[in-house]
Amino acid sequence: MSAPVEFRARLLGEKYCVIPWSSLDYNVDAGGYVVPFTREQIESAQHSSISELTSDDGVPARDQAYAHYGVEPYWQ
């Protein structure tokens, strides 16, 4: 499983990147989910529209995200 995360940049409009679901950790003090990735890792990930990320049932985006972040795929 993976979660699309919105990324806003001034001239780019709304773009999303995929984060492996197992990497999300809800932090009460932060008031939301936190991930063990650096800002640079997230910024260098593939960013696409939500329709691009969900094409082919989201499998290509999911596979790319797990590889990019070095997270072991749960399906293997």
N, C-alpha and C. Protein backbone atom coordinates (compact mmCIF):
# COMPACT_ATOMS: atom_id res chain seq x y z
N MET A 1 0.84 -1.17 0.00
CA MET A 1 0.00 0.00 0.00
C MET A 1 0.89 1.24 0.00
N SER A 2 0.34 2.29 -0.53
CA SER A 2 1.07 3.55 -0.55
C SER A 2 0.07 4.68 -0.42
N ALA A 3 0.58 5.84 -0.06
CA ALA A 3 -0.28 6.99 0.14
C ALA A 3 0.20 8.15 -0.73
N PRO A 4 -0.69 8.75 -1.51
CA PRO A 4 -0.29 9.94 -2.26
C PRO A 4 -0.24 11.14 -1.32
N VAL A 5 0.82 11.89 -1.38
CA VAL A 5 1.00 13.05 -0.52
C VAL A 5 1.09 14.29 -1.41
N GLU A 6 0.32 15.30 -1.08
CA GLU A 6 0.29 16.52 -1.89
C GLU A 6 1.56 17.34 -1.67
N PHE A 7 2.07 17.87 -2.76
CA PHE A 7 3.26 18.71 -2.74
C PHE A 7 2.92 19.97 -3.51
N ARG A 8 3.00 21.10 -2.86
CA ARG A 8 2.67 22.35 -3.56
C ARG A 8 3.95 23.16 -3.78
N ALA A 9 4.08 23.61 -4.99
CA ALA A 9 5.21 24.46 -5.33
C ALA A 9 4.67 25.61 -6.15
N ARG A 10 5.23 26.75 -5.99
CA ARG A 10 4.70 27.92 -6.67
C ARG A 10 4.52 27.67 -8.13
N LEU A 11 5.16 27.55 -8.99
CA LEU A 11 4.87 27.48 -10.42
C LEU A 11 4.41 26.10 -10.90
N LEU A 12 4.46 25.11 -10.05
CA LEU A 12 4.11 23.77 -10.49
C LEU A 12 2.65 23.42 -10.27
N GLY A 13 1.94 24.15 -9.43
CA GLY A 13 0.58 23.77 -9.11
C GLY A 13 0.59 22.60 -8.14
N GLU A 14 -0.52 21.90 -8.07
CA GLU A 14 -0.61 20.76 -7.16
C GLU A 14 -0.01 19.52 -7.80
N LYS A 15 0.94 18.94 -7.12
CA LYS A 15 1.56 17.69 -7.54
C LYS A 15 1.58 16.77 -6.33
N TYR A 16 1.66 15.49 -6.58
CA TYR A 16 1.64 14.50 -5.52
C TYR A 16 2.83 13.57 -5.67
N CYS A 17 3.31 13.08 -4.53
CA CYS A 17 4.31 12.03 -4.56
C CYS A 17 3.75 10.88 -3.71
N VAL A 18 4.25 9.70 -3.93
CA VAL A 18 3.77 8.52 -3.23
C VAL A 18 4.75 8.18 -2.12
N ILE A 19 4.20 7.91 -0.94
CA ILE A 19 4.99 7.50 0.22
C ILE A 19 4.54 6.09 0.59
N PRO A 20 5.48 5.16 0.81
CA PRO A 20 5.09 3.82 1.24
C PRO A 20 4.27 3.89 2.55
N TRP A 21 3.12 3.24 2.56
CA TRP A 21 2.21 3.29 3.70
C TRP A 21 2.89 2.88 5.00
N SER A 22 3.74 1.86 4.93
CA SER A 22 4.40 1.36 6.14
C SER A 22 5.36 2.39 6.74
N SER A 23 5.69 3.43 5.99
CA SER A 23 6.60 4.47 6.49
C SER A 23 5.87 5.58 7.23
N LEU A 24 4.55 5.62 7.12
CA LEU A 24 3.78 6.66 7.79
C LEU A 24 3.61 6.31 9.26
N ASP A 25 3.83 7.30 10.13
CA ASP A 25 3.68 7.12 11.56
C ASP A 25 2.92 8.32 12.11
N TYR A 26 1.77 8.06 12.73
CA TYR A 26 0.99 9.18 13.27
C TYR A 26 1.62 9.64 14.57
N ASN A 27 1.88 10.95 14.65
CA ASN A 27 2.49 11.54 15.83
C ASN A 27 1.51 12.54 16.42
N VAL A 28 1.01 12.23 17.61
CA VAL A 28 0.02 13.08 18.28
C VAL A 28 0.58 14.47 18.52
N ASP A 29 1.82 14.56 18.98
CA ASP A 29 2.42 15.87 19.27
C ASP A 29 2.55 16.73 18.01
N ALA A 30 2.84 16.09 16.88
CA ALA A 30 2.97 16.82 15.61
C ALA A 30 1.60 17.11 15.01
N GLY A 31 0.60 16.39 15.47
CA GLY A 31 -0.75 16.59 14.93
C GLY A 31 -0.94 16.03 13.54
N GLY A 32 -0.16 15.01 13.21
CA GLY A 32 -0.29 14.42 11.89
C GLY A 32 0.73 13.32 11.68
N TYR A 33 0.81 12.87 10.44
CA TYR A 33 1.74 11.80 10.10
C TYR A 33 3.15 12.36 9.90
N VAL A 34 4.12 11.58 10.31
CA VAL A 34 5.53 11.90 10.07
C VAL A 34 6.15 10.72 9.33
N VAL A 35 7.21 11.00 8.59
CA VAL A 35 7.90 9.96 7.83
C VAL A 35 9.39 10.04 8.14
N PRO A 36 10.09 8.93 7.97
CA PRO A 36 11.52 8.90 8.28
C PRO A 36 12.41 9.35 7.12
N PHE A 37 11.89 10.21 6.27
CA PHE A 37 12.63 10.64 5.09
C PHE A 37 13.01 12.10 5.23
N THR A 38 14.09 12.47 4.57
CA THR A 38 14.52 13.87 4.59
C THR A 38 13.69 14.67 3.58
N ARG A 39 13.71 15.95 3.76
CA ARG A 39 13.03 16.83 2.81
C ARG A 39 13.58 16.62 1.40
N GLU A 40 14.90 16.43 1.31
CA GLU A 40 15.54 16.23 0.01
C GLU A 40 15.05 14.94 -0.65
N GLN A 41 14.86 13.88 0.13
CA GLN A 41 14.36 12.63 -0.43
C GLN A 41 12.95 12.82 -0.99
N ILE A 42 12.12 13.52 -0.26
CA ILE A 42 10.75 13.73 -0.72
C ILE A 42 10.73 14.65 -1.94
N GLU A 43 11.52 15.70 -1.92
CA GLU A 43 11.56 16.62 -3.06
C GLU A 43 12.12 15.96 -4.32
N SER A 44 13.01 14.98 -4.16
CA SER A 44 13.60 14.33 -5.33
C SER A 44 12.77 13.16 -5.84
N ALA A 45 11.70 12.82 -5.13
CA ALA A 45 10.82 11.74 -5.58
C ALA A 45 10.02 12.19 -6.80
N GLN A 46 9.47 11.22 -7.51
CA GLN A 46 8.62 11.52 -8.65
C GLN A 46 7.37 12.24 -8.16
N HIS A 47 7.05 13.37 -8.79
CA HIS A 47 5.83 14.13 -8.48
C HIS A 47 4.97 14.19 -9.73
N SER A 48 3.70 13.84 -9.56
CA SER A 48 2.79 13.77 -10.70
C SER A 48 1.40 14.21 -10.27
N SER A 49 0.53 14.32 -11.25
CA SER A 49 -0.87 14.60 -10.92
C SER A 49 -1.48 13.35 -10.31
N ILE A 50 -2.58 13.51 -9.61
CA ILE A 50 -3.23 12.36 -8.99
C ILE A 50 -3.69 11.36 -10.04
N SER A 51 -4.11 11.83 -11.21
CA SER A 51 -4.54 10.90 -12.26
C SER A 51 -3.36 10.10 -12.81
N GLU A 52 -2.20 10.72 -12.91
CA GLU A 52 -1.00 10.00 -13.36
C GLU A 52 -0.58 8.95 -12.33
N LEU A 53 -0.65 9.31 -11.05
CA LEU A 53 -0.24 8.38 -9.99
C LEU A 53 -1.17 7.20 -9.85
N THR A 54 -2.43 7.37 -10.21
CA THR A 54 -3.39 6.28 -10.05
C THR A 54 -3.62 5.48 -11.32
N SER A 55 -2.96 5.84 -12.41
CA SER A 55 -3.11 5.05 -13.63
C SER A 55 -2.55 3.66 -13.41
N ASP A 56 -3.05 2.70 -14.14
CA ASP A 56 -2.65 1.29 -14.00
C ASP A 56 -2.76 0.82 -12.56
N ASP A 57 -3.82 1.27 -11.89
CA ASP A 57 -4.13 0.91 -10.50
C ASP A 57 -3.04 1.38 -9.52
N GLY A 58 -2.22 2.33 -9.93
CA GLY A 58 -1.20 2.90 -9.06
C GLY A 58 0.06 2.06 -8.89
N VAL A 59 0.11 0.93 -9.57
CA VAL A 59 1.24 0.00 -9.39
C VAL A 59 2.58 0.61 -9.80
N PRO A 60 2.70 1.26 -10.97
CA PRO A 60 4.01 1.84 -11.33
C PRO A 60 4.48 2.90 -10.32
N ALA A 61 3.58 3.75 -9.85
CA ALA A 61 3.95 4.78 -8.87
C ALA A 61 4.34 4.14 -7.55
N ARG A 62 3.61 3.12 -7.13
CA ARG A 62 3.92 2.41 -5.89
C ARG A 62 5.31 1.78 -5.96
N ASP A 63 5.57 1.07 -7.05
CA ASP A 63 6.87 0.40 -7.21
C ASP A 63 8.01 1.41 -7.21
N GLN A 64 7.81 2.52 -7.91
CA GLN A 64 8.84 3.56 -7.97
C GLN A 64 9.09 4.15 -6.59
N ALA A 65 8.04 4.37 -5.82
CA ALA A 65 8.19 4.96 -4.49
C ALA A 65 8.95 4.04 -3.55
N TYR A 66 8.61 2.76 -3.55
CA TYR A 66 9.31 1.82 -2.67
C TYR A 66 10.79 1.75 -3.03
N ALA A 67 11.10 1.76 -4.33
CA ALA A 67 12.50 1.75 -4.76
C ALA A 67 13.20 3.05 -4.37
N HIS A 68 12.56 4.18 -4.61
CA HIS A 68 13.17 5.49 -4.32
C HIS A 68 13.53 5.63 -2.85
N TYR A 69 12.62 5.22 -1.97
CA TYR A 69 12.86 5.39 -0.53
C TYR A 69 13.58 4.21 0.10
N GLY A 70 13.84 3.16 -0.67
CA GLY A 70 14.57 2.00 -0.14
C GLY A 70 13.77 1.20 0.88
N VAL A 71 12.45 1.18 0.70
CA VAL A 71 11.57 0.44 1.60
C VAL A 71 11.29 -0.93 0.98
N GLU A 72 11.41 -1.98 1.79
CA GLU A 72 11.17 -3.33 1.27
C GLU A 72 9.70 -3.48 0.90
N PRO A 73 9.42 -3.91 -0.31
CA PRO A 73 8.04 -4.10 -0.75
C PRO A 73 7.34 -5.19 0.07
N TYR A 74 6.15 -4.90 0.54
CA TYR A 74 5.41 -5.87 1.35
C TYR A 74 4.91 -7.05 0.53
N TRP A 75 4.84 -6.90 -0.77
CA TRP A 75 4.30 -7.95 -1.62
C TRP A 75 5.35 -8.96 -2.06
N GLN A 76 6.58 -8.78 -1.65
CA GLN A 76 7.64 -9.73 -2.05
C GLN A 76 8.05 -10.59 -0.88
